[in-house]
PDB file of N, CA and C in Angstrom:
ATOM      1  N   MET A   1     135.164 109.516  79.043  1.00  0.00           N
ATOM      2  CA  MET A   1     133.905 110.092  79.465  1.00  0.00           C
ATOM      3  C   MET A   1     133.586 111.287  78.573  1.00  0.00           C
ATOM      4  N   ASN A   2     132.346 111.360  78.129  1.00  0.00           N
ATOM      5  CA  ASN A   2     131.919 112.420  77.228  1.00  0.00           C
ATOM      6  C   ASN A   2     131.611 113.687  78.026  1.00  0.00           C
ATOM      7  N   LYS A   3     132.334 114.760  77.724  1.00  0.00           N
ATOM      8  CA  LYS A   3     132.150 116.019  78.461  1.00  0.00           C
ATOM      9  C   LYS A   3     131.450 117.078  77.618  1.00  0.00           C
ATOM     10  N   ASP A   4     130.812 116.679  76.515  1.00  0.00           N
ATOM     11  CA  ASP A   4     130.116 117.630  75.662  1.00  0.00           C
ATOM     12  C   ASP A   4     128.904 118.192  76.390  1.00  0.00           C
ATOM     13  N   LYS A   5     128.744 119.511  76.304  1.00  0.00           N
ATOM     14  CA  LYS A   5     127.591 120.174  76.925  1.00  0.00           C
ATOM     15  C   LYS A   5     126.402 120.097  75.979  1.00  0.00           C
ATOM     16  N   LEU A   6     125.244 119.955  76.579  1.00  0.00           N
ATOM     17  CA  LEU A   6     124.012 119.836  75.821  1.00  0.00           C
ATOM     18  C   LEU A   6     122.981 120.752  76.464  1.00  0.00           C
ATOM     19  N   SER A   7     122.231 121.477  75.658  1.00  0.00           N
ATOM     20  CA  SER A   7     121.168 122.338  76.161  1.00  0.00           C
ATOM     21  C   SER A   7     119.856 121.560  76.070  1.00  0.00           C
ATOM     22  N   VAL A   8     119.203 121.371  77.210  1.00  0.00           N
ATOM     23  CA  VAL A   8     117.942 120.629  77.235  1.00  0.00           C
ATOM     24  C   VAL A   8     116.895 121.427  78.004  1.00  0.00           C
ATOM     25  N   THR A   9     115.651 121.126  77.699  1.00  0.00           N
ATOM     26  CA  THR A   9     114.536 121.741  78.411  1.00  0.00           C
ATOM     27  C   THR A   9     113.675 120.621  78.985  1.00  0.00           C
ATOM     28  N   VAL A  10     113.408 120.713  80.282  1.00  0.00           N
ATOM     29  CA  VAL A  10     112.531 119.747  80.933  1.00  0.00           C
ATOM     30  C   VAL A  10     111.367 120.512  81.546  1.00  0.00           C
ATOM     31  N   SER A  11     110.280 119.797  81.761  1.00  0.00           N
ATOM     32  CA  SER A  11     109.089 120.411  82.319  1.00  0.00           C
ATOM     33  C   SER A  11     108.729 119.728  83.634  1.00  0.00           C
ATOM     34  N   VAL A  12     108.487 120.554  84.647  1.00  0.00           N
ATOM     35  CA  VAL A  12     108.028 120.061  85.948  1.00  0.00           C
ATOM     36  C   VAL A  12     106.849 120.924  86.363  1.00  0.00           C
ATOM     37  N   LEU A  13     105.707 120.297  86.566  1.00  0.00           N
ATOM     38  CA  LEU A  13     104.475 121.000  86.941  1.00  0.00           C
ATOM     39  C   LEU A  13     104.185 122.151  85.970  1.00  0.00           C
ATOM     40  N   GLU A  14     104.224 121.813  84.678  1.00  0.00           N
ATOM     41  CA  GLU A  14     103.946 122.736  83.588  1.00  0.00           C
ATOM     42  C   GLU A  14     104.892 123.937  83.525  1.00  0.00           C
ATOM     43  N   ARG A  15     106.009 123.864  84.215  1.00  0.00           N
ATOM     44  CA  ARG A  15     106.997 124.940  84.147  1.00  0.00           C
ATOM     45  C   ARG A  15     108.239 124.394  83.458  1.00  0.00           C
ATOM     46  N   LYS A  16     108.734 125.151  82.486  1.00  0.00           N
ATOM     47  CA  LYS A  16     109.885 124.719  81.692  1.00  0.00           C
ATOM     48  C   LYS A  16     111.183 125.184  82.347  1.00  0.00           C
ATOM     49  N   TYR A  17     112.174 124.287  82.322  1.00  0.00           N
ATOM     50  CA  TYR A  17     113.500 124.603  82.843  1.00  0.00           C
ATOM     51  C   TYR A  17     114.520 124.271  81.766  1.00  0.00           C
ATOM     52  N   LYS A  18     115.266 125.271  81.343  1.00  0.00           N
ATOM     53  CA  LYS A  18     116.296 125.082  80.328  1.00  0.00           C
ATOM     54  C   LYS A  18     117.632 124.942  81.056  1.00  0.00           C
ATOM     55  N   LEU A  19     118.318 123.858  80.773  1.00  0.00           N
ATOM     56  CA  LEU A  19     119.557 123.554  81.477  1.00  0.00           C
ATOM     57  C   LEU A  19     120.666 123.211  80.505  1.00  0.00           C
ATOM     58  N   SER A  20     121.884 123.444  80.920  1.00  0.00           N
ATOM     59  CA  SER A  20     123.059 123.015  80.175  1.00  0.00           C
ATOM     60  C   SER A  20     123.707 121.899  80.984  1.00  0.00           C
ATOM     61  N   ILE A  21     123.785 120.720  80.388  1.00  0.00           N
ATOM     62  CA  ILE A  21     124.257 119.548  81.116  1.00  0.00           C
ATOM     63  C   ILE A  21     125.283 118.785  80.281  1.00  0.00           C
ATOM     64  N   GLU A  22     125.952 117.842  80.916  1.00  0.00           N
ATOM     65  CA  GLU A  22     126.826 116.920  80.203  1.00  0.00           C
ATOM     66  C   GLU A  22     125.917 116.039  79.346  1.00  0.00           C
ATOM     67  N   SER A  23     126.310 115.767  78.121  1.00  0.00           N
ATOM     68  CA  SER A  23     125.436 115.017  77.212  1.00  0.00           C
ATOM     69  C   SER A  23     125.119 113.618  77.729  1.00  0.00           C
ATOM     70  N   ASN A  24     126.051 113.013  78.466  1.00  0.00           N
ATOM     71  CA  ASN A  24     125.783 111.665  78.973  1.00  0.00           C
ATOM     72  C   ASN A  24     124.842 111.669  80.192  1.00  0.00           C
ATOM     73  N   ASP A  25     124.426 112.841  80.671  1.00  0.00           N
ATOM     74  CA  ASP A  25     123.483 112.942  81.788  1.00  0.00           C
ATOM     75  C   ASP A  25     122.046 113.174  81.335  1.00  0.00           C
ATOM     76  N   GLU A  26     121.828 113.320  80.044  1.00  0.00           N
ATOM     77  CA  GLU A  26     120.501 113.691  79.549  1.00  0.00           C
ATOM     78  C   GLU A  26     119.426 112.687  79.964  1.00  0.00           C
ATOM     79  N   GLU A  27     119.678 111.417  79.775  1.00  0.00           N
ATOM     80  CA  GLU A  27     118.674 110.402  80.106  1.00  0.00           C
ATOM     81  C   GLU A  27     118.301 110.459  81.583  1.00  0.00           C
ATOM     82  N   PHE A  28     119.316 110.620  82.446  1.00  0.00           N
ATOM     83  CA  PHE A  28     119.060 110.673  83.888  1.00  0.00           C
ATOM     84  C   PHE A  28     118.276 111.925  84.268  1.00  0.00           C
ATOM     85  N   LEU A  29     118.611 113.051  83.648  1.00  0.00           N
ATOM     86  CA  LEU A  29     117.903 114.295  83.921  1.00  0.00           C
ATOM     87  C   LEU A  29     116.438 114.182  83.519  1.00  0.00           C
ATOM     88  N   ARG A  30     116.188 113.629  82.354  1.00  0.00           N
ATOM     89  CA  ARG A  30     114.801 113.499  81.882  1.00  0.00           C
ATOM     90  C   ARG A  30     114.007 112.547  82.784  1.00  0.00           C
ATOM     91  N   LYS A  31     114.627 111.447  83.182  1.00  0.00           N
ATOM     92  CA  LYS A  31     113.949 110.519  84.094  1.00  0.00           C
ATOM     93  C   LYS A  31     113.663 111.197  85.432  1.00  0.00           C
ATOM     94  N   ALA A  32     114.621 111.965  85.930  1.00  0.00           N
ATOM     95  CA  ALA A  32     114.440 112.665  87.202  1.00  0.00           C
ATOM     96  C   ALA A  32     113.323 113.688  87.109  1.00  0.00           C
ATOM     97  N   ALA A  33     113.300 114.462  86.032  1.00  0.00           N
ATOM     98  CA  ALA A  33     112.249 115.466  85.852  1.00  0.00           C
ATOM     99  C   ALA A  33     110.881 114.802  85.764  1.00  0.00           C
ATOM    100  N   ASN A  34     110.795 113.694  85.040  1.00  0.00           N
ATOM    101  CA  ASN A  34     109.517 112.970  84.933  1.00  0.00           C
ATOM    102  C   ASN A  34     109.086 112.415  86.286  1.00  0.00           C
ATOM    103  N   LEU A  35     110.032 111.908  87.057  1.00  0.00           N
ATOM    104  CA  LEU A  35     109.722 111.382  88.390  1.00  0.00           C
ATOM    105  C   LEU A  35     109.208 112.495  89.303  1.00  0.00           C
ATOM    106  N   ILE A  36     109.880 113.622  89.299  1.00  0.00           N
ATOM    107  CA  ILE A  36     109.458 114.764  90.127  1.00  0.00           C
ATOM    108  C   ILE A  36     108.058 115.223  89.723  1.00  0.00           C
ATOM    109  N   ASP A  37     107.858 115.374  88.431  1.00  0.00           N
ATOM    110  CA  ASP A  37     106.564 115.825  87.916  1.00  0.00           C
ATOM    111  C   ASP A  37     105.449 114.852  88.312  1.00  0.00           C
ATOM    112  N   SER A  38     105.693 113.580  88.094  1.00  0.00           N
ATOM    113  CA  SER A  38     104.692 112.558  88.401  1.00  0.00           C
ATOM    114  C   SER A  38     104.385 112.492  89.894  1.00  0.00           C
ATOM    115  N   GLN A  39     105.423 112.527  90.696  1.00  0.00           N
ATOM    116  CA  GLN A  39     105.219 112.439  92.140  1.00  0.00           C
ATOM    117  C   GLN A  39     104.505 113.687  92.663  1.00  0.00           C
ATOM    118  N   ALA A  40     104.861 114.855  92.165  1.00  0.00           N
ATOM    119  CA  ALA A  40     104.201 116.094  92.597  1.00  0.00           C
ATOM    120  C   ALA A  40     102.725 116.082  92.218  1.00  0.00           C
ATOM    121  N   LYS A  41     102.421 115.620  91.007  1.00  0.00           N
ATOM    122  CA  LYS A  41     101.019 115.538  90.582  1.00  0.00           C
ATOM    123  C   LYS A  41     100.259 114.509  91.417  1.00  0.00           C
ATOM    124  N   GLY A  42     100.928 113.450  91.809  1.00  0.00           N
ATOM    125  CA  GLY A  42     100.309 112.463  92.691  1.00  0.00           C
ATOM    126  C   GLY A  42      99.969 113.057  94.047  1.00  0.00           C
ATOM    127  N   TYR A  43     100.893 113.840  94.604  1.00  0.00           N
ATOM    128  CA  TYR A  43     100.613 114.511  95.875  1.00  0.00           C
ATOM    129  C   TYR A  43      99.467 115.501  95.724  1.00  0.00           C
ATOM    130  N   ALA A  44      99.401 116.182  94.587  1.00  0.00           N
ATOM    131  CA  ALA A  44      98.314 117.146  94.361  1.00  0.00           C
ATOM    132  C   ALA A  44      96.967 116.446  94.385  1.00  0.00           C
ATOM    133  N   LYS A  45      96.888 115.250  93.810  1.00  0.00           N
ATOM    134  CA  LYS A  45      95.628 114.490  93.794  1.00  0.00           C
ATOM    135  C   LYS A  45      95.270 113.984  95.184  1.00  0.00           C
ATOM    136  N   VAL A  46      96.260 113.429  95.874  1.00  0.00           N
ATOM    137  CA  VAL A  46      95.996 112.828  97.186  1.00  0.00           C
ATOM    138  C   VAL A  46      95.642 113.876  98.233  1.00  0.00           C
ATOM    139  N   TYR A  47      96.361 114.985  98.237  1.00  0.00           N
ATOM    140  CA  TYR A  47      96.180 115.985  99.285  1.00  0.00           C
ATOM    141  C   TYR A  47      95.373 117.189  98.841  1.00  0.00           C
ATOM    142  N   GLY A  48      94.852 117.157  97.641  1.00  0.00           N
ATOM    143  CA  GLY A  48      94.183 118.337  97.111  1.00  0.00           C
ATOM    144  C   GLY A  48      95.263 119.274  96.603  1.00  0.00           C
ATOM    145  N   HIS A  49      94.963 120.023  95.568  1.00  0.00           N
ATOM    146  CA  HIS A  49      95.997 120.870  94.978  1.00  0.00           C
ATOM    147  C   HIS A  49      96.508 121.874  95.990  1.00  0.00           C
ATOM    148  N   LYS A  50      97.789 121.865  96.148  1.00  0.00           N
ATOM    149  CA  LYS A  50      98.457 122.844  97.000  1.00  0.00           C
ATOM    150  C   LYS A  50      99.357 123.690  96.112  1.00  0.00           C
ATOM    151  N   ASP A  51      99.945 124.658  96.690  1.00  0.00           N
ATOM    152  CA  ASP A  51     100.923 125.478  95.985  1.00  0.00           C
ATOM    153  C   ASP A  51     102.029 124.574  95.425  1.00  0.00           C
ATOM    154  N   ASN A  52     102.474 124.849  94.206  1.00  0.00           N
ATOM    155  CA  ASN A  52     103.511 124.029  93.583  1.00  0.00           C
ATOM    156  C   ASN A  52     104.765 123.928  94.446  1.00  0.00           C
ATOM    157  N   GLN A  53     105.088 124.992  95.144  1.00  0.00           N
ATOM    158  CA  GLN A  53     106.260 124.968  96.015  1.00  0.00           C
ATOM    159  C   GLN A  53     106.067 123.926  97.121  1.00  0.00           C
ATOM    160  N   ASP A  54     104.858 123.839  97.676  1.00  0.00           N
ATOM    161  CA  ASP A  54     104.567 122.824  98.689  1.00  0.00           C
ATOM    162  C   ASP A  54     104.702 121.421  98.105  1.00  0.00           C
ATOM    163  N   LEU A  55     104.174 121.233  96.891  1.00  0.00           N
ATOM    164  CA  LEU A  55     104.262 119.928  96.243  1.00  0.00           C
ATOM    165  C   LEU A  55     105.713 119.537  95.998  1.00  0.00           C
ATOM    166  N   LEU A  56     106.513 120.484  95.521  1.00  0.00           N
ATOM    167  CA  LEU A  56     107.918 120.195  95.267  1.00  0.00           C
ATOM    168  C   LEU A  56     108.685 119.921  96.559  1.00  0.00           C
ATOM    169  N   ALA A  57     108.317 120.611  97.636  1.00  0.00           N
ATOM    170  CA  ALA A  57     108.948 120.345  98.936  1.00  0.00           C
ATOM    171  C   ALA A  57     108.622 118.927  99.408  1.00  0.00           C
ATOM    172  N   MET A  58     107.386 118.489  99.184  1.00  0.00           N
ATOM    173  CA  MET A  58     106.997 117.125  99.561  1.00  0.00           C
ATOM    174  C   MET A  58     107.781 116.091  98.750  1.00  0.00           C
ATOM    175  N   VAL A  59     107.946 116.365  97.463  1.00  0.00           N
ATOM    176  CA  VAL A  59     108.730 115.467  96.611  1.00  0.00           C
ATOM    177  C   VAL A  59     110.173 115.425  97.105  1.00  0.00           C
ATOM    178  N   ALA A  60     110.735 116.589  97.395  1.00  0.00           N
ATOM    179  CA  ALA A  60     112.122 116.646  97.869  1.00  0.00           C
ATOM    180  C   ALA A  60     112.287 115.843  99.152  1.00  0.00           C
ATOM    181  N   LEU A  61     111.375 116.018 100.092  1.00  0.00           N
ATOM    182  CA  LEU A  61     111.453 115.265 101.346  1.00  0.00           C
ATOM    183  C   LEU A  61     111.353 113.760 101.110  1.00  0.00           C
ATOM    184  N   SER A  62     110.444 113.367 100.258  1.00  0.00           N
ATOM    185  CA  SER A  62     110.270 111.956  99.953  1.00  0.00           C
ATOM    186  C   SER A  62     111.522 111.365  99.310  1.00  0.00           C
ATOM    187  N   GLN A  63     112.068 112.064  98.320  1.00  0.00           N
ATOM    188  CA  GLN A  63     113.235 111.556  97.605  1.00  0.00           C
ATOM    189  C   GLN A  63     114.476 111.532  98.485  1.00  0.00           C
ATOM    190  N   ILE A  64     114.669 112.563  99.283  1.00  0.00           N
ATOM    191  CA  ILE A  64     115.842 112.603 100.159  1.00  0.00           C
ATOM    192  C   ILE A  64     115.724 111.559 101.263  1.00  0.00           C
ATOM    193  N   THR A  65     114.514 111.303 101.749  1.00  0.00           N
ATOM    194  CA  THR A  65     114.319 110.247 102.731  1.00  0.00           C
ATOM    195  C   THR A  65     114.736 108.902 102.142  1.00  0.00           C
ATOM    196  N   GLN A  66     114.324 108.641 100.905  1.00  0.00           N
ATOM    197  CA  GLN A  66     114.729 107.402 100.240  1.00  0.00           C
ATOM    198  C   GLN A  66     116.243 107.348 100.060  1.00  0.00           C
ATOM    199  N   TYR A  67     116.838 108.475  99.681  1.00  0.00           N
ATOM    200  CA  TYR A  67     118.288 108.547  99.504  1.00  0.00           C
ATOM    201  C   TYR A  67     119.013 108.221 100.816  1.00  0.00           C
ATOM    202  N   VAL A  68     118.557 108.834 101.910  1.00  0.00           N
ATOM    203  CA  VAL A  68     119.202 108.604 103.206  1.00  0.00           C
ATOM    204  C   VAL A  68     119.096 107.133 103.603  1.00  0.00           C
ATOM    205  N   LYS A  69     117.921 106.535 103.402  1.00  0.00           N
ATOM    206  CA  LYS A  69     117.739 105.116 103.714  1.00  0.00           C
ATOM    207  C   LYS A  69     118.690 104.250 102.886  1.00  0.00           C
ATOM    208  N   LEU A  70     118.751 104.525 101.580  1.00  0.00           N
ATOM    209  CA  LEU A  70     119.644 103.756 100.711  1.00  0.00           C
ATOM    210  C   LEU A  70     121.104 103.943 101.106  1.00  0.00           C
ATOM    211  N   HIS A  71     121.469 105.169 101.433  1.00  0.00           N
ATOM    212  CA  HIS A  71     122.845 105.454 101.841  1.00  0.00           C
ATOM    213  C   HIS A  71     123.210 104.671 103.104  1.00  0.00           C
ATOM    214  N   GLU A  72     122.309 104.660 104.070  1.00  0.00           N
ATOM    215  CA  GLU A  72     122.556 103.912 105.309  1.00  0.00           C
ATOM    216  C   GLU A  72     122.641 102.411 105.030  1.00  0.00           C
ATOM    217  N   ASP A  73     121.760 101.915 104.164  1.00  0.00           N
ATOM    218  CA  ASP A  73     121.767 100.500 103.804  1.00  0.00           C
ATOM    219  C   ASP A  73     123.071 100.125 103.110  1.00  0.00           C
ATOM    220  N   LEU A  74     123.534 100.974 102.210  1.00  0.00           N
ATOM    221  CA  LEU A  74     124.795 100.705 101.517  1.00  0.00           C
ATOM    222  C   LEU A  74     125.967 100.737 102.483  1.00  0.00           C
ATOM    223  N   LYS A  75     125.938 101.670 103.438  1.00  0.00           N
ATOM    224  CA  LYS A  75     126.999 101.741 104.437  1.00  0.00           C
ATOM    225  C   LYS A  75     127.057 100.432 105.226  1.00  0.00           C
ATOM    226  N   TYR A  76     125.883  99.933 105.629  1.00  0.00           N
ATOM    227  CA  TYR A  76     125.819  98.674 106.368  1.00  0.00           C
ATOM    228  C   TYR A  76     126.353  97.529 105.505  1.00  0.00           C
ATOM    229  N   LYS A  77     125.917  97.484 104.235  1.00  0.00           N
ATOM    230  CA  LYS A  77     126.356  96.417 103.341  1.00  0.00           C
ATOM    231  C   LYS A  77     127.849  96.512 103.064  1.00  0.00           C
ATOM    232  N   ASP A  78     128.375  97.731 102.947  1.00  0.00           N
ATOM    233  CA  ASP A  78     129.809  97.903 102.751  1.00  0.00           C
ATOM    234  C   ASP A  78     130.584  97.354 103.948  1.00  0.00           C
ATOM    235  N   ASN A  79     130.121  97.679 105.149  1.00  0.00           N
ATOM    236  CA  ASN A  79     130.782  97.175 106.358  1.00  0.00           C
ATOM    237  C   ASN A  79     130.696  95.661 106.428  1.00  0.00           C
ATOM    238  N   ASP A  80     129.540  95.112 106.079  1.00  0.00           N
ATOM    239  CA  ASP A  80     129.348  93.668 106.077  1.00  0.00           C
ATOM    240  C   ASP A  80     130.279  93.010 105.058  1.00  0.00           C
ATOM    241  N   LEU A  81     130.405  93.607 103.896  1.00  0.00           N
ATOM    242  CA  LEU A  81     131.277  93.081 102.852  1.00  0.00           C
ATOM    243  C   LEU A  81     132.738  93.130 103.299  1.00  0.00           C
ATOM    244  N   ILE A  82     133.153  94.220 103.904  1.00  0.00           N
ATOM    245  CA  ILE A  82     134.527  94.329 104.400  1.00  0.00           C
ATOM    246  C   ILE A  82     134.810  93.258 105.440  1.00  0.00           C
ATOM    247  N   GLU A  83     133.842  93.014 106.311  1.00  0.00           N
ATOM    248  CA  GLU A  83     134.000  91.978 107.337  1.00  0.00           C
ATOM    249  C   GLU A  83     134.148  90.599 106.691  1.00  0.00           C
ATOM    250  N   LYS A  84     133.319  90.296 105.706  1.00  0.00           N
ATOM    251  CA  LYS A  84     133.385  88.995 105.035  1.00  0.00           C
ATOM    252  C   LYS A  84     134.701  88.829 104.274  1.00  0.00           C
ATOM    253  N   ILE A  85     135.166  89.890 103.626  1.00  0.00           N
ATOM    254  CA  ILE A  85     136.440  89.830 102.906  1.00  0.00           C
ATOM    255  C   ILE A  85     137.583  89.604 103.883  1.00  0.00           C
ATOM    256  N   SER A  86     137.521  90.241 105.044  1.00  0.00           N
ATOM    257  CA  SER A  86     138.552  90.037 106.068  1.00  0.00           C
ATOM    258  C   SER A  86     138.568  88.587 106.542  1.00  0.00           C
ATOM    259  N   GLU A  87     137.381  88.003 106.721  1.00  0.00           N
ATOM    260  CA  GLU A  87     137.295  86.598 107.123  1.00  0.00           C
ATOM    261  C   GLU A  87     137.919  85.698 106.060  1.00  0.00           C
ATOM    262  N   ILE A  88     137.594  85.944 104.808  1.00  0.00           N
ATOM    263  CA  ILE A  88     138.150  85.142 103.707  1.00  0.00           C
ATOM    264  C   ILE A  88     139.659  85.319 103.648  1.00  0.00           C
ATOM    265  N   ASP A  89     140.114  86.552 103.813  1.00  0.00           N
ATOM    266  CA  ASP A  89     141.554  86.822 103.802  1.00  0.00           C
ATOM    267  C   ASP A  89     142.250  86.062 104.924  1.00  0.00           C
ATOM    268  N   SER A  90     141.654  86.045 106.098  1.00  0.00           N
ATOM    269  CA  SER A  90     142.241  85.316 107.228  1.00  0.00           C
ATOM    270  C   SER A  90     142.303  83.824 106.930  1.00  0.00           C
ATOM    271  N   MET A  91     141.223  83.286 106.378  1.00  0.00           N
ATOM    272  CA  MET A  91     141.198  81.852 106.053  1.00  0.00           C
ATOM    273  C   MET A  91     142.256  81.515 105.011  1.00  0.00           C
ATOM    274  N   LEU A  92     142.362  82.356 103.993  1.00  0.00           N
ATOM    275  CA  LEU A  92     143.367  82.119 102.948  1.00  0.00           C
ATOM    276  C   LEU A  92     144.775  82.235 103.504  1.00  0.00           C
ATOM    277  N   SER A  93     144.988  83.204 104.376  1.00  0.00           N
ATOM    278  CA  SER A  93     146.310  83.372 104.992  1.00  0.00           C
ATOM    279  C   SER A  93     146.685  82.154 105.827  1.00  0.00           C
ATOM    280  N   GLU A  94     145.713  81.631 106.587  1.00  0.00           N
ATOM    281  CA  GLU A  94     145.966  80.426 107.387  1.00  0.00           C
ATOM    282  C   GLU A  94     146.328  79.244 106.505  1.00  0.00           C
ATOM    283  N   GLU A  95     145.573  79.056 105.431  1.00  0.00           N
ATOM    284  CA  GLU A  95     145.846  77.945 104.514  1.00  0.00           C
ATOM    285  C   GLU A  95     147.187  78.116 103.824  1.00  0.00           C
ATOM    286  N   LEU A  96     147.514  79.335 103.450  1.00  0.00           N
ATOM    287  CA  LEU A  96     148.797  79.604 102.808  1.00  0.00           C
ATOM    288  C   LEU A  96     149.939  79.322 103.773  1.00  0.00           C
ATOM    289  N   GLU A  97     149.765  79.703 105.025  1.00  0.00           N
ATOM    290  CA  GLU A  97     150.778  79.454 106.043  1.00  0.00           C
ATOM    291  C   GLU A  97     150.959  77.956 106.264  1.00  0.00           C
ATOM    292  N   LYS A  98     149.860  77.217 106.293  1.00  0.00           N
ATOM    293  CA  LYS A  98     149.934  75.747 106.441  1.00  0.00           C
ATOM    294  C   LYS A  98     150.699  75.144 105.269  1.00  0.00           C
ATOM    295  N   THR A  99     150.399  75.618 104.078  1.00  0.00           N
ATOM    296  CA  THR A  99     151.044  75.082 102.876  1.00  0.00           C
ATOM    297  C   THR A  99     152.545  75.412 102.885  1.00  0.00           C
ATOM    298  N   ASN A 100     152.907  76.600 103.321  1.00  0.00           N
ATOM    299  CA  ASN A 100     154.300  76.998 103.363  1.00  0.00           C
ATOM    300  C   ASN A 100     155.090  76.244 104.440  1.00  0.00           C
ATOM    301  N   ASN A 101     154.404  75.807 105.490  1.00  0.00           N
ATOM    302  CA  ASN A 101     155.060  75.096 106.587  1.00  0.00           C
ATOM    303  C   ASN A 101     155.213  73.602 106.306  1.00  0.00           C
ATOM    304  N   GLN A 102     154.640  73.114 105.259  1.00  0.00           N
ATOM    305  CA  GLN A 102     154.738  71.667 104.968  1.00  0.00           C
ATOM    306  C   GLN A 102     156.020  71.318 104.295  1.00  0.00           C
TER     307      GLN A 102
END
């Protein structure tokens, strides 16, 4: 894993942020900054321009809501996967036991 630090500047709502990040995170940081900027500007158009702090709070709420939903969905899928693997393991164990008893 590349641990080289990189100095980057991103812009959100016409405000520049200079950050020091891991070099392999640059693409994700730029995509995130663009997403925040775009979503905040979208809220400004839909709701009329509000204070940038309000716009950023709306973006944060929207993104965290999506994160929580995805996290819950993954938890459910993980449990479902564990259950299916247990079923397969039981079936394989039964077949192995049958084969060993022959």
